[in-house]
């Protein structure tokens, strides 16, 4: 894979180009959207973005793990993990992109 990483600054720059907002306002908009998403997840709410996917929190219980170096069993504490499920539209977009790359090779 090894693709390029999209940053907050690049998202803000895309808003500048496509919407025409001033650079500082587009940065504030990106930060506001990301803050709202993370705040909702922190409150235990699910976030659904149409045509993109949904984010949620899953609780993982305590379980026994194993230290790979020593083989010693170690308890893994319960925790919450972030999960993302892409929409079917997003899956199709990704798979079409892969098909185009393979055809170009």
N, C-alpha and C. Protein backbone atom coordinates (compact mmCIF):
# COMPACT_ATOMS: atom_id res chain seq x y z
N UNK A 1 0.84 -1.17 0.00
CA UNK A 1 0.00 0.00 0.00
C UNK A 1 0.89 1.24 0.00
N UNK A 2 1.38 1.67 1.15
CA UNK A 2 2.34 2.76 1.21
C UNK A 2 1.90 4.05 0.54
N UNK A 3 0.62 4.39 0.66
CA UNK A 3 0.12 5.61 0.03
C UNK A 3 0.43 6.85 0.83
N UNK A 4 -0.01 7.98 0.31
CA UNK A 4 0.19 9.27 0.95
C UNK A 4 -0.81 9.45 2.09
N UNK A 5 -0.44 10.17 3.11
CA UNK A 5 -1.31 10.46 4.25
C UNK A 5 -1.94 11.84 4.08
N UNK A 6 -3.26 11.91 4.25
CA UNK A 6 -3.98 13.17 4.18
C UNK A 6 -3.94 13.83 5.55
N UNK A 7 -3.52 15.09 5.62
CA UNK A 7 -3.39 15.80 6.89
C UNK A 7 -4.52 16.82 7.07
N UNK A 8 -4.63 17.35 8.28
CA UNK A 8 -5.61 18.41 8.56
C UNK A 8 -5.37 19.62 7.67
N UNK A 9 -4.10 19.95 7.50
CA UNK A 9 -3.76 21.12 6.67
C UNK A 9 -4.20 20.90 5.23
N UNK A 10 -4.05 19.68 4.73
CA UNK A 10 -4.48 19.39 3.36
C UNK A 10 -6.01 19.41 3.24
N UNK A 11 -6.70 18.95 4.28
CA UNK A 11 -8.17 19.05 4.28
C UNK A 11 -8.60 20.51 4.23
N UNK A 12 -7.96 21.34 5.04
CA UNK A 12 -8.28 22.77 5.07
C UNK A 12 -7.98 23.41 3.72
N UNK A 13 -6.89 23.02 3.11
CA UNK A 13 -6.53 23.56 1.78
C UNK A 13 -7.56 23.15 0.73
N UNK A 14 -8.08 21.93 0.83
CA UNK A 14 -9.12 21.48 -0.09
C UNK A 14 -10.39 22.31 0.07
N UNK A 15 -10.72 22.69 1.32
CA UNK A 15 -11.88 23.55 1.57
C UNK A 15 -11.65 24.92 0.94
N UNK A 16 -10.43 25.43 1.06
CA UNK A 16 -10.10 26.73 0.44
C UNK A 16 -10.32 26.66 -1.06
N UNK A 17 -9.81 25.61 -1.70
CA UNK A 17 -9.91 25.48 -3.16
C UNK A 17 -11.34 25.24 -3.63
N UNK A 18 -12.08 24.36 -2.94
CA UNK A 18 -13.39 23.93 -3.44
C UNK A 18 -14.54 24.81 -2.97
N UNK A 19 -14.42 25.40 -1.78
CA UNK A 19 -15.52 26.20 -1.23
C UNK A 19 -15.22 27.69 -1.35
N UNK A 20 -13.95 28.03 -1.29
CA UNK A 20 -13.57 29.42 -1.42
C UNK A 20 -13.51 30.18 -0.12
N UNK A 21 -13.56 29.47 1.01
CA UNK A 21 -13.43 30.15 2.30
C UNK A 21 -11.99 30.62 2.48
N UNK A 22 -11.80 31.66 3.27
CA UNK A 22 -10.42 32.06 3.59
C UNK A 22 -9.71 30.93 4.34
N UNK A 23 -8.40 30.91 4.24
CA UNK A 23 -7.60 29.81 4.80
C UNK A 23 -7.84 29.63 6.31
N UNK A 24 -7.88 30.72 7.07
CA UNK A 24 -8.06 30.57 8.52
C UNK A 24 -9.45 30.03 8.86
N UNK A 25 -10.48 30.44 8.11
CA UNK A 25 -11.83 29.93 8.35
C UNK A 25 -11.95 28.46 7.97
N UNK A 26 -11.27 28.08 6.89
CA UNK A 26 -11.33 26.67 6.48
C UNK A 26 -10.63 25.79 7.51
N UNK A 27 -9.53 26.27 8.10
CA UNK A 27 -8.86 25.52 9.16
C UNK A 27 -9.76 25.38 10.38
N UNK A 28 -10.47 26.45 10.74
CA UNK A 28 -11.40 26.40 11.87
C UNK A 28 -12.54 25.43 11.58
N UNK A 29 -13.03 25.41 10.35
CA UNK A 29 -14.11 24.51 9.97
C UNK A 29 -13.68 23.05 10.10
N UNK A 30 -12.50 22.73 9.58
CA UNK A 30 -11.98 21.36 9.68
C UNK A 30 -11.83 20.97 11.15
N UNK A 31 -11.26 21.85 11.96
CA UNK A 31 -11.09 21.56 13.39
C UNK A 31 -12.43 21.37 14.09
N UNK A 32 -13.42 22.19 13.73
CA UNK A 32 -14.75 22.09 14.33
C UNK A 32 -15.39 20.74 14.00
N UNK A 33 -15.30 20.32 12.74
CA UNK A 33 -15.89 19.04 12.32
C UNK A 33 -15.21 17.89 13.06
N UNK A 34 -13.88 17.89 13.07
CA UNK A 34 -13.14 16.81 13.75
C UNK A 34 -13.42 16.81 15.25
N UNK A 35 -13.53 17.99 15.84
CA UNK A 35 -13.83 18.10 17.27
C UNK A 35 -15.22 17.55 17.58
N UNK A 36 -16.18 17.85 16.73
CA UNK A 36 -17.54 17.36 16.94
C UNK A 36 -17.59 15.84 16.83
N UNK A 37 -16.88 15.29 15.86
CA UNK A 37 -16.84 13.83 15.70
C UNK A 37 -16.19 13.18 16.92
N UNK A 38 -15.03 13.68 17.34
CA UNK A 38 -14.34 13.07 18.48
C UNK A 38 -15.12 13.26 19.77
N UNK A 39 -15.77 14.41 19.94
CA UNK A 39 -16.58 14.64 21.13
C UNK A 39 -17.77 13.69 21.21
N UNK A 40 -18.41 13.46 20.08
CA UNK A 40 -19.54 12.52 20.05
C UNK A 40 -19.08 11.11 20.41
N UNK A 41 -17.94 10.70 19.85
CA UNK A 41 -17.42 9.37 20.16
C UNK A 41 -17.04 9.26 21.63
N UNK A 42 -16.45 10.32 22.20
CA UNK A 42 -16.06 10.31 23.61
C UNK A 42 -17.29 10.18 24.52
N UNK A 43 -18.43 10.69 24.06
CA UNK A 43 -19.68 10.57 24.84
C UNK A 43 -20.35 9.22 24.62
N UNK A 44 -19.75 8.37 23.79
CA UNK A 44 -20.31 7.04 23.54
C UNK A 44 -21.32 7.00 22.43
N UNK A 45 -21.45 8.09 21.67
CA UNK A 45 -22.40 8.13 20.57
C UNK A 45 -21.76 7.56 19.31
N UNK A 46 -22.58 7.04 18.43
CA UNK A 46 -22.10 6.56 17.15
C UNK A 46 -22.15 7.72 16.15
N UNK A 47 -21.21 7.78 15.24
CA UNK A 47 -21.16 8.83 14.23
C UNK A 47 -21.33 8.18 12.86
N UNK A 48 -22.37 8.59 12.13
CA UNK A 48 -22.61 8.06 10.79
C UNK A 48 -22.47 9.19 9.78
N UNK A 49 -21.61 8.97 8.79
CA UNK A 49 -21.42 9.93 7.71
C UNK A 49 -21.90 9.27 6.43
N UNK A 50 -22.99 9.75 5.89
CA UNK A 50 -23.60 9.17 4.71
C UNK A 50 -22.59 9.06 3.57
N UNK A 51 -22.58 7.95 2.87
CA UNK A 51 -21.69 7.66 1.75
C UNK A 51 -20.23 7.51 2.16
N UNK A 52 -19.94 7.56 3.45
CA UNK A 52 -18.56 7.41 3.92
C UNK A 52 -18.45 6.21 4.85
N UNK A 53 -19.17 6.24 5.97
CA UNK A 53 -19.12 5.12 6.91
C UNK A 53 -19.56 5.55 8.28
N UNK A 54 -19.39 4.64 9.24
CA UNK A 54 -19.79 4.97 10.61
C UNK A 54 -18.66 4.63 11.57
N UNK A 55 -18.54 5.48 12.59
CA UNK A 55 -17.56 5.31 13.65
C UNK A 55 -18.32 4.94 14.91
N UNK A 56 -17.73 4.08 15.71
CA UNK A 56 -18.36 3.72 16.97
C UNK A 56 -17.31 3.28 17.97
N UNK A 57 -17.77 3.03 19.18
CA UNK A 57 -16.90 2.57 20.26
C UNK A 57 -17.35 1.16 20.63
N UNK A 58 -16.38 0.26 20.75
CA UNK A 58 -16.67 -1.11 21.16
C UNK A 58 -15.91 -1.39 22.45
N UNK A 59 -16.58 -2.03 23.37
CA UNK A 59 -15.95 -2.38 24.64
C UNK A 59 -15.36 -3.77 24.53
N UNK A 60 -14.09 -3.89 24.88
CA UNK A 60 -13.43 -5.19 24.87
C UNK A 60 -13.21 -5.60 26.32
N UNK A 61 -13.59 -6.81 26.63
CA UNK A 61 -13.46 -7.30 28.00
C UNK A 61 -12.04 -7.73 28.32
N UNK A 62 -11.84 -8.05 29.60
CA UNK A 62 -10.52 -8.53 30.03
C UNK A 62 -10.29 -9.91 29.43
N UNK A 63 -9.05 -10.17 29.06
CA UNK A 63 -8.71 -11.48 28.51
C UNK A 63 -7.25 -11.76 28.82
N UNK A 64 -6.87 -12.99 28.60
CA UNK A 64 -5.48 -13.38 28.83
C UNK A 64 -4.73 -13.29 27.51
N UNK A 65 -3.56 -12.67 27.57
CA UNK A 65 -2.68 -12.59 26.42
C UNK A 65 -1.38 -13.27 26.74
N UNK A 66 -0.47 -13.24 25.80
CA UNK A 66 0.81 -13.90 26.02
C UNK A 66 1.93 -12.98 25.56
N UNK A 67 2.95 -12.83 26.40
CA UNK A 67 4.13 -12.07 26.04
C UNK A 67 4.88 -12.88 24.98
N UNK A 68 5.04 -12.33 23.76
CA UNK A 68 5.66 -13.13 22.70
C UNK A 68 7.13 -13.48 22.96
N UNK A 69 7.82 -12.67 23.75
CA UNK A 69 9.24 -12.96 24.04
C UNK A 69 9.39 -14.08 25.05
N UNK A 70 8.61 -14.00 26.13
CA UNK A 70 8.80 -14.96 27.23
C UNK A 70 7.78 -16.09 27.23
N UNK A 71 6.66 -15.89 26.53
CA UNK A 71 5.60 -16.90 26.55
C UNK A 71 4.75 -16.81 27.79
N UNK A 72 5.06 -15.87 28.68
CA UNK A 72 4.31 -15.70 29.93
C UNK A 72 2.91 -15.17 29.65
N UNK A 73 1.91 -15.73 30.34
CA UNK A 73 0.54 -15.24 30.20
C UNK A 73 0.39 -13.96 30.99
N UNK A 74 -0.28 -12.99 30.38
CA UNK A 74 -0.45 -11.68 30.99
C UNK A 74 -1.91 -11.25 30.80
N UNK A 75 -2.55 -10.75 31.87
CA UNK A 75 -3.93 -10.28 31.69
C UNK A 75 -3.95 -8.96 30.90
N UNK A 76 -4.88 -8.88 29.95
CA UNK A 76 -5.09 -7.65 29.17
C UNK A 76 -6.33 -6.99 29.75
N UNK A 77 -6.19 -5.74 30.18
CA UNK A 77 -7.28 -5.06 30.87
C UNK A 77 -8.41 -4.70 29.91
N UNK A 78 -9.63 -4.57 30.44
CA UNK A 78 -10.74 -4.15 29.59
C UNK A 78 -10.50 -2.74 29.06
N UNK A 79 -10.99 -2.48 27.85
CA UNK A 79 -10.79 -1.15 27.26
C UNK A 79 -11.84 -0.90 26.19
N UNK A 80 -11.88 0.33 25.76
CA UNK A 80 -12.77 0.72 24.67
C UNK A 80 -11.90 0.95 23.44
N UNK A 81 -12.40 0.53 22.28
CA UNK A 81 -11.66 0.72 21.03
C UNK A 81 -12.56 1.39 20.01
N UNK A 82 -11.94 2.19 19.17
CA UNK A 82 -12.64 2.87 18.09
C UNK A 82 -12.78 1.91 16.91
N UNK A 83 -13.97 1.83 16.36
CA UNK A 83 -14.19 0.98 15.18
C UNK A 83 -14.76 1.83 14.06
N UNK A 84 -14.40 1.49 12.84
CA UNK A 84 -14.91 2.18 11.67
C UNK A 84 -15.45 1.15 10.70
N UNK A 85 -16.65 1.38 10.19
CA UNK A 85 -17.25 0.51 9.18
C UNK A 85 -17.53 1.36 7.95
N UNK A 86 -16.81 1.11 6.87
CA UNK A 86 -17.05 1.90 5.66
C UNK A 86 -18.41 1.56 5.05
N UNK A 87 -19.03 2.56 4.41
CA UNK A 87 -20.30 2.33 3.73
C UNK A 87 -20.03 1.52 2.46
N UNK A 88 -21.08 0.95 1.90
CA UNK A 88 -20.94 0.20 0.65
C UNK A 88 -20.46 1.11 -0.48
N UNK A 89 -20.90 2.37 -0.45
CA UNK A 89 -20.46 3.33 -1.47
C UNK A 89 -18.96 3.55 -1.36
N UNK A 90 -18.45 3.69 -0.14
CA UNK A 90 -17.01 3.87 0.07
C UNK A 90 -16.24 2.63 -0.37
N UNK A 91 -16.76 1.45 -0.03
CA UNK A 91 -16.10 0.21 -0.44
C UNK A 91 -16.01 0.14 -1.96
N UNK A 92 -17.10 0.50 -2.64
CA UNK A 92 -17.11 0.48 -4.11
C UNK A 92 -16.09 1.47 -4.67
N UNK A 93 -16.02 2.67 -4.10
CA UNK A 93 -15.04 3.67 -4.55
C UNK A 93 -13.62 3.16 -4.42
N UNK A 94 -13.33 2.54 -3.28
CA UNK A 94 -11.98 2.01 -3.04
C UNK A 94 -11.67 0.90 -4.03
N UNK A 95 -12.61 0.00 -4.22
CA UNK A 95 -12.37 -1.12 -5.13
C UNK A 95 -12.26 -0.67 -6.58
N UNK A 96 -13.00 0.35 -6.98
CA UNK A 96 -12.88 0.89 -8.34
C UNK A 96 -11.51 1.52 -8.53
N UNK A 97 -11.01 2.19 -7.51
CA UNK A 97 -9.68 2.79 -7.57
C UNK A 97 -8.61 1.74 -7.76
N UNK A 98 -8.76 0.59 -7.08
CA UNK A 98 -7.79 -0.49 -7.21
C UNK A 98 -7.87 -1.09 -8.60
N UNK A 99 -9.08 -1.21 -9.15
CA UNK A 99 -9.24 -1.77 -10.49
C UNK A 99 -8.56 -0.89 -11.53
N UNK A 100 -8.70 0.44 -11.37
CA UNK A 100 -8.08 1.38 -12.31
C UNK A 100 -6.55 1.29 -12.24
N UNK A 101 -6.01 1.18 -11.01
CA UNK A 101 -4.56 1.08 -10.86
C UNK A 101 -4.02 -0.19 -11.50
N UNK A 102 -4.72 -1.32 -11.31
CA UNK A 102 -4.28 -2.58 -11.88
C UNK A 102 -4.34 -2.53 -13.42
N UNK A 103 -5.38 -1.87 -13.96
CA UNK A 103 -5.53 -1.77 -15.40
C UNK A 103 -4.42 -0.91 -15.99
N UNK A 104 -3.94 0.08 -15.24
CA UNK A 104 -2.89 0.97 -15.71
C UNK A 104 -1.52 0.28 -15.71
N UNK A 105 -1.37 -0.76 -14.89
CA UNK A 105 -0.07 -1.45 -14.79
C UNK A 105 0.20 -2.31 -15.94
